């Protein structure tokens, strides 16, 4: 029997998630930090699977930031290996479930094998439209805007754009997320109340939910509760009610 779909007339179409707390979750269990990252990767599948039934069309997850290179070489190498295995393991299931996968972030610093896997997964799922899963990998909001400004400057230098043509909409076309609507809701797990350089431009009018749950413990039930409660929020986008 098919699951009943929860009707969310004012629910979030695009939810972004800062998946925080993997390392602490592992340390609480006397395990190395990478153990928590593996547990967190498994949690992603459950959240992706929950999206269609609660009306979430777009899900963007923060997997690795431009600042995460400062972690130990062991942890970084382990994470890169985890990303490669995740793509290889999940590719066919994502295709079967109608999930379109895209990556945002600067790929120049990533190894060639990982980039090839990312390219292949994007191509494999390009015709899917049930859920749009965007994975932020080597991503930082300031870095994204900087790279967008550089590309915009080249267009002006080469005469394809005038500086008079540049506005917020124009810049938006040069961002990594140009194919996405802005997020309606941003969730951060693990009890930290900061945005950590994630989707700075795009989240100007997003609602935020900071929760104490560590990412590996974040269930589809908690995700559904937060998304369902979103409909009660009064979003005015700078205006006031008459």
Protein backbone atom coordinates (compact mmCIF):
# COMPACT_ATOMS: atom_id res chain seq x y z
CA UNK A 1 0.00 0.00 0.00
CA UNK A 2 1.34 3.42 -0.94
CA UNK A 3 2.10 5.85 1.83
CA UNK A 4 -0.28 8.72 2.38
CA UNK A 5 1.23 12.04 1.39
CA UNK A 6 1.08 14.79 3.99
CA UNK A 7 -0.46 17.90 2.45
CA UNK A 8 1.60 21.00 3.18
CA UNK A 9 0.03 23.94 1.33
CA UNK A 10 2.59 26.35 2.76
CA UNK A 11 5.32 23.87 3.45
CA UNK A 12 8.94 24.20 2.37
CA UNK A 13 9.75 23.06 -1.15
CA UNK A 14 13.47 23.45 -0.52
CA UNK A 15 15.08 22.35 2.74
CA UNK A 16 18.81 22.76 3.38
CA UNK A 17 20.58 20.86 6.15
CA UNK A 18 23.85 21.46 7.97
CA UNK A 19 24.60 17.90 9.07
CA UNK A 20 26.57 18.58 12.23
CA UNK A 21 27.58 16.38 15.14
CA UNK A 22 29.03 13.25 13.51
CA UNK A 23 32.35 13.54 15.33
CA UNK A 24 30.82 14.17 18.74
CA UNK A 25 28.39 11.30 18.24
CA UNK A 26 31.33 8.95 17.63
CA UNK A 27 33.37 10.30 20.54
CA UNK A 28 30.44 9.78 22.93
CA UNK A 29 30.67 6.12 21.98
CA UNK A 30 34.44 5.89 22.34
CA UNK A 31 34.91 5.64 18.58
CA UNK A 32 37.05 7.64 16.12
CA UNK A 33 35.38 10.60 14.45
CA UNK A 34 35.23 8.83 11.10
CA UNK A 35 32.91 6.24 12.65
CA UNK A 36 30.39 9.05 13.14
CA UNK A 37 30.74 10.21 9.55
CA UNK A 38 29.89 6.71 8.32
CA UNK A 39 26.82 6.69 10.57
CA UNK A 40 25.84 10.11 9.28
CA UNK A 41 26.12 9.00 5.65
CA UNK A 42 23.60 6.23 6.32
CA UNK A 43 21.20 8.79 7.78
CA UNK A 44 21.17 10.74 4.51
CA UNK A 45 19.31 7.95 2.71
CA UNK A 46 16.48 8.00 5.28
CA UNK A 47 16.03 11.75 5.00
CA UNK A 48 16.06 11.68 1.19
CA UNK A 49 13.45 8.91 1.19
CA UNK A 50 11.19 10.97 3.46
CA UNK A 51 11.12 14.03 1.20
CA UNK A 52 8.43 13.10 -1.37
CA UNK A 53 5.86 12.15 1.27
CA UNK A 54 6.14 15.51 3.05
CA UNK A 55 6.25 17.73 -0.02
CA UNK A 56 9.97 18.52 -0.06
CA UNK A 57 11.09 18.75 -3.68
CA UNK A 58 14.62 20.05 -3.08
CA UNK A 59 17.05 18.90 -0.40
CA UNK A 60 20.50 20.44 -0.08
CA UNK A 61 23.00 18.95 2.36
CA UNK A 62 26.30 20.38 3.61
CA UNK A 63 28.80 17.54 3.29
CA UNK A 64 32.23 19.23 3.36
CA UNK A 65 33.09 22.91 3.70
CA UNK A 66 36.01 24.91 2.36
CA UNK A 67 37.11 25.21 6.00
CA UNK A 68 37.05 21.46 6.66
CA UNK A 69 40.47 21.08 5.03
CA UNK A 70 41.84 22.32 8.37
CA UNK A 71 40.92 19.02 10.01
CA UNK A 72 43.52 16.30 10.45
CA UNK A 73 44.88 14.65 7.33
CA UNK A 74 43.49 11.33 8.55
CA UNK A 75 39.95 12.68 8.91
CA UNK A 76 40.03 14.50 5.57
CA UNK A 77 41.35 11.44 3.73
CA UNK A 78 38.72 9.29 5.43
CA UNK A 79 35.95 11.68 4.40
CA UNK A 80 37.10 11.73 0.79
CA UNK A 81 37.07 7.95 0.75
CA UNK A 82 33.63 7.98 2.31
CA UNK A 83 32.31 10.32 -0.40
CA UNK A 84 33.65 8.04 -3.13
CA UNK A 85 32.10 4.95 -1.56
CA UNK A 86 28.79 6.74 -0.96
CA UNK A 87 28.48 7.67 -4.63
CA UNK A 88 29.40 4.18 -5.80
CA UNK A 89 27.09 2.47 -3.33
CA UNK A 90 24.06 4.73 -3.64
CA UNK A 91 24.07 5.63 -7.35
CA UNK A 92 21.67 2.95 -8.61
CA UNK A 93 19.30 3.33 -5.67
CA UNK A 94 19.14 7.10 -6.18
CA UNK A 95 18.39 6.55 -9.86
CA UNK A 96 15.66 4.04 -9.04
CA UNK A 97 14.01 6.36 -6.51
CA UNK A 98 13.81 9.23 -8.98
CA UNK A 99 16.41 11.38 -7.18
CA UNK A 100 18.36 13.89 -9.24
CA UNK A 101 21.78 14.53 -7.71
CA UNK A 102 23.91 17.61 -8.26
CA UNK A 103 26.98 18.92 -6.50
CA UNK A 104 27.89 22.48 -5.60
CA UNK A 105 31.25 23.81 -4.48
CA UNK A 106 34.71 24.21 -5.92
CA UNK A 107 35.82 20.94 -7.51
CA UNK A 108 39.34 22.13 -8.31
CA UNK A 109 40.78 20.91 -5.01
CA UNK A 110 39.10 17.49 -5.14
CA UNK A 111 40.89 14.47 -6.55
CA UNK A 112 40.17 13.43 -10.14
CA UNK A 113 38.55 10.11 -9.24
CA UNK A 114 36.05 11.74 -6.92
CA UNK A 115 35.23 14.47 -9.46
CA UNK A 116 34.66 11.82 -12.13
CA UNK A 117 32.27 9.95 -9.84
CA UNK A 118 30.42 13.20 -9.14
CA UNK A 119 30.14 13.95 -12.86
CA UNK A 120 28.93 10.42 -13.59
CA UNK A 121 26.27 10.54 -10.87
CA UNK A 122 24.97 13.88 -12.11
CA UNK A 123 24.72 12.49 -15.64
CA UNK A 124 23.15 9.21 -14.49
CA UNK A 125 20.34 10.96 -12.59
CA UNK A 126 19.89 13.96 -14.91
CA UNK A 127 16.39 12.95 -16.02
CA UNK A 128 15.03 12.36 -12.50
CA UNK A 129 12.62 14.84 -10.98
CA UNK A 130 11.04 13.30 -7.88
CA UNK A 131 13.57 14.79 -5.46
CA UNK A 132 16.45 17.12 -6.25
CA UNK A 133 19.34 16.27 -3.92
CA UNK A 134 22.16 18.81 -3.95
CA UNK A 135 25.37 17.93 -2.12
CA UNK A 136 27.64 20.80 -1.06
CA UNK A 137 31.18 19.44 -1.31
CA UNK A 138 34.19 21.71 -0.80
CA UNK A 139 31.62 24.46 -0.52
CA UNK A 140 31.67 27.79 1.27
CA UNK A 141 29.19 30.64 0.85
CA UNK A 142 31.84 33.35 0.62
CA UNK A 143 33.90 31.24 -1.77
CA UNK A 144 30.82 30.70 -3.97
CA UNK A 145 30.04 34.42 -4.17
CA UNK A 146 33.71 35.19 -4.87
CA UNK A 147 33.83 32.70 -7.73
CA UNK A 148 30.53 34.04 -9.09
CA UNK A 149 31.89 37.61 -9.01
CA UNK A 150 35.01 36.48 -10.86
CA UNK A 151 32.94 34.85 -13.60
CA UNK A 152 30.76 37.93 -13.80
CA UNK A 153 33.84 40.15 -14.11
CA UNK A 154 35.08 38.08 -17.06
CA UNK A 155 31.72 38.58 -18.81
CA UNK A 156 32.05 42.34 -18.35
CA UNK A 157 35.69 42.40 -19.46
CA UNK A 158 34.82 40.49 -22.63
CA UNK A 159 31.92 42.79 -23.43
CA UNK A 160 29.12 40.27 -23.01
CA UNK A 161 27.70 42.23 -20.08
CA UNK A 162 27.72 45.88 -19.04
CA UNK A 163 28.25 46.87 -15.43
CA UNK A 164 24.83 48.53 -15.71
CA UNK A 165 23.32 45.08 -16.27
CA UNK A 166 24.54 43.75 -12.92
CA UNK A 167 21.94 43.32 -10.21
CA UNK A 168 21.05 40.63 -7.69
CA UNK A 169 19.31 38.53 -10.33
CA UNK A 170 22.32 38.73 -12.64
CA UNK A 171 24.74 37.65 -9.93
CA UNK A 172 22.42 34.80 -9.01
CA UNK A 173 22.90 33.33 -12.47
CA UNK A 174 26.60 32.86 -11.73
CA UNK A 175 26.15 31.09 -8.38
CA UNK A 176 26.60 27.34 -7.97
CA UNK A 177 22.91 27.12 -7.06
CA UNK A 178 21.58 28.87 -10.17
CA UNK A 179 19.43 25.80 -10.93
CA UNK A 180 17.76 25.81 -7.48
CA UNK A 181 15.07 27.89 -5.81
CA UNK A 182 16.23 29.59 -2.63
CA UNK A 183 15.86 27.44 0.50
CA UNK A 184 12.69 27.96 2.52
CA UNK A 185 14.05 26.24 5.60
CA UNK A 186 17.57 25.60 6.90
CA UNK A 187 18.06 22.97 9.62
CA UNK A 188 21.22 22.65 11.68
CA UNK A 189 21.70 19.68 13.94
CA UNK A 190 23.91 19.22 17.05
CA UNK A 191 22.93 22.26 19.10
CA UNK A 192 25.17 24.80 17.37
CA UNK A 193 23.39 28.06 16.49
CA UNK A 194 25.44 29.38 13.60
CA UNK A 195 25.21 29.12 9.81
CA UNK A 196 28.88 28.27 9.15
CA UNK A 197 29.21 29.93 5.74
CA UNK A 198 26.40 27.86 4.20
CA UNK A 199 24.20 29.30 1.43
CA UNK A 200 24.80 32.86 2.60
CA UNK A 201 23.27 34.54 -0.46
CA UNK A 202 20.43 32.10 -0.94
CA UNK A 203 19.22 32.01 2.68
CA UNK A 204 18.46 35.71 2.99
CA UNK A 205 14.81 34.97 3.83
CA UNK A 206 15.01 31.34 4.88
CA UNK A 207 13.60 30.17 8.18
CA UNK A 208 16.12 28.50 10.50
CA UNK A 209 15.70 25.57 12.86
CA UNK A 210 18.55 24.81 15.27
CA UNK A 211 18.10 21.48 17.03
CA UNK A 212 20.13 19.63 19.66
CA UNK A 213 20.00 16.24 17.95
CA UNK A 214 23.34 15.02 16.58
CA UNK A 215 23.12 14.22 12.88
CA UNK A 216 23.45 10.40 13.15
CA UNK A 217 20.44 10.45 15.52
CA UNK A 218 18.33 12.72 13.30
CA UNK A 219 15.43 10.55 12.15
CA UNK A 220 12.88 10.91 9.38
CA UNK A 221 10.24 11.42 12.11
CA UNK A 222 12.05 14.48 13.49
CA UNK A 223 12.58 15.76 9.97
CA UNK A 224 8.87 15.34 9.22
CA UNK A 225 7.90 17.13 12.43
CA UNK A 226 10.08 20.14 11.61
CA UNK A 227 8.84 20.34 8.02
CA UNK A 228 5.21 19.99 9.09
CA UNK A 229 5.57 22.74 11.71
CA UNK A 230 7.03 25.06 9.10
CA UNK A 231 3.57 25.71 7.68
CA UNK A 232 2.67 27.62 10.87
CA UNK A 233 5.45 30.17 10.39
CA UNK A 234 4.53 33.69 9.25
CA UNK A 235 6.86 34.54 6.37
CA UNK A 236 6.54 38.19 5.31
CA UNK A 237 9.80 38.69 3.36
CA UNK A 238 10.25 42.17 4.77
CA UNK A 239 6.63 43.27 4.34
CA UNK A 240 3.93 43.76 6.96
CA UNK A 241 0.35 42.63 6.96
CA UNK A 242 -2.23 45.26 6.10
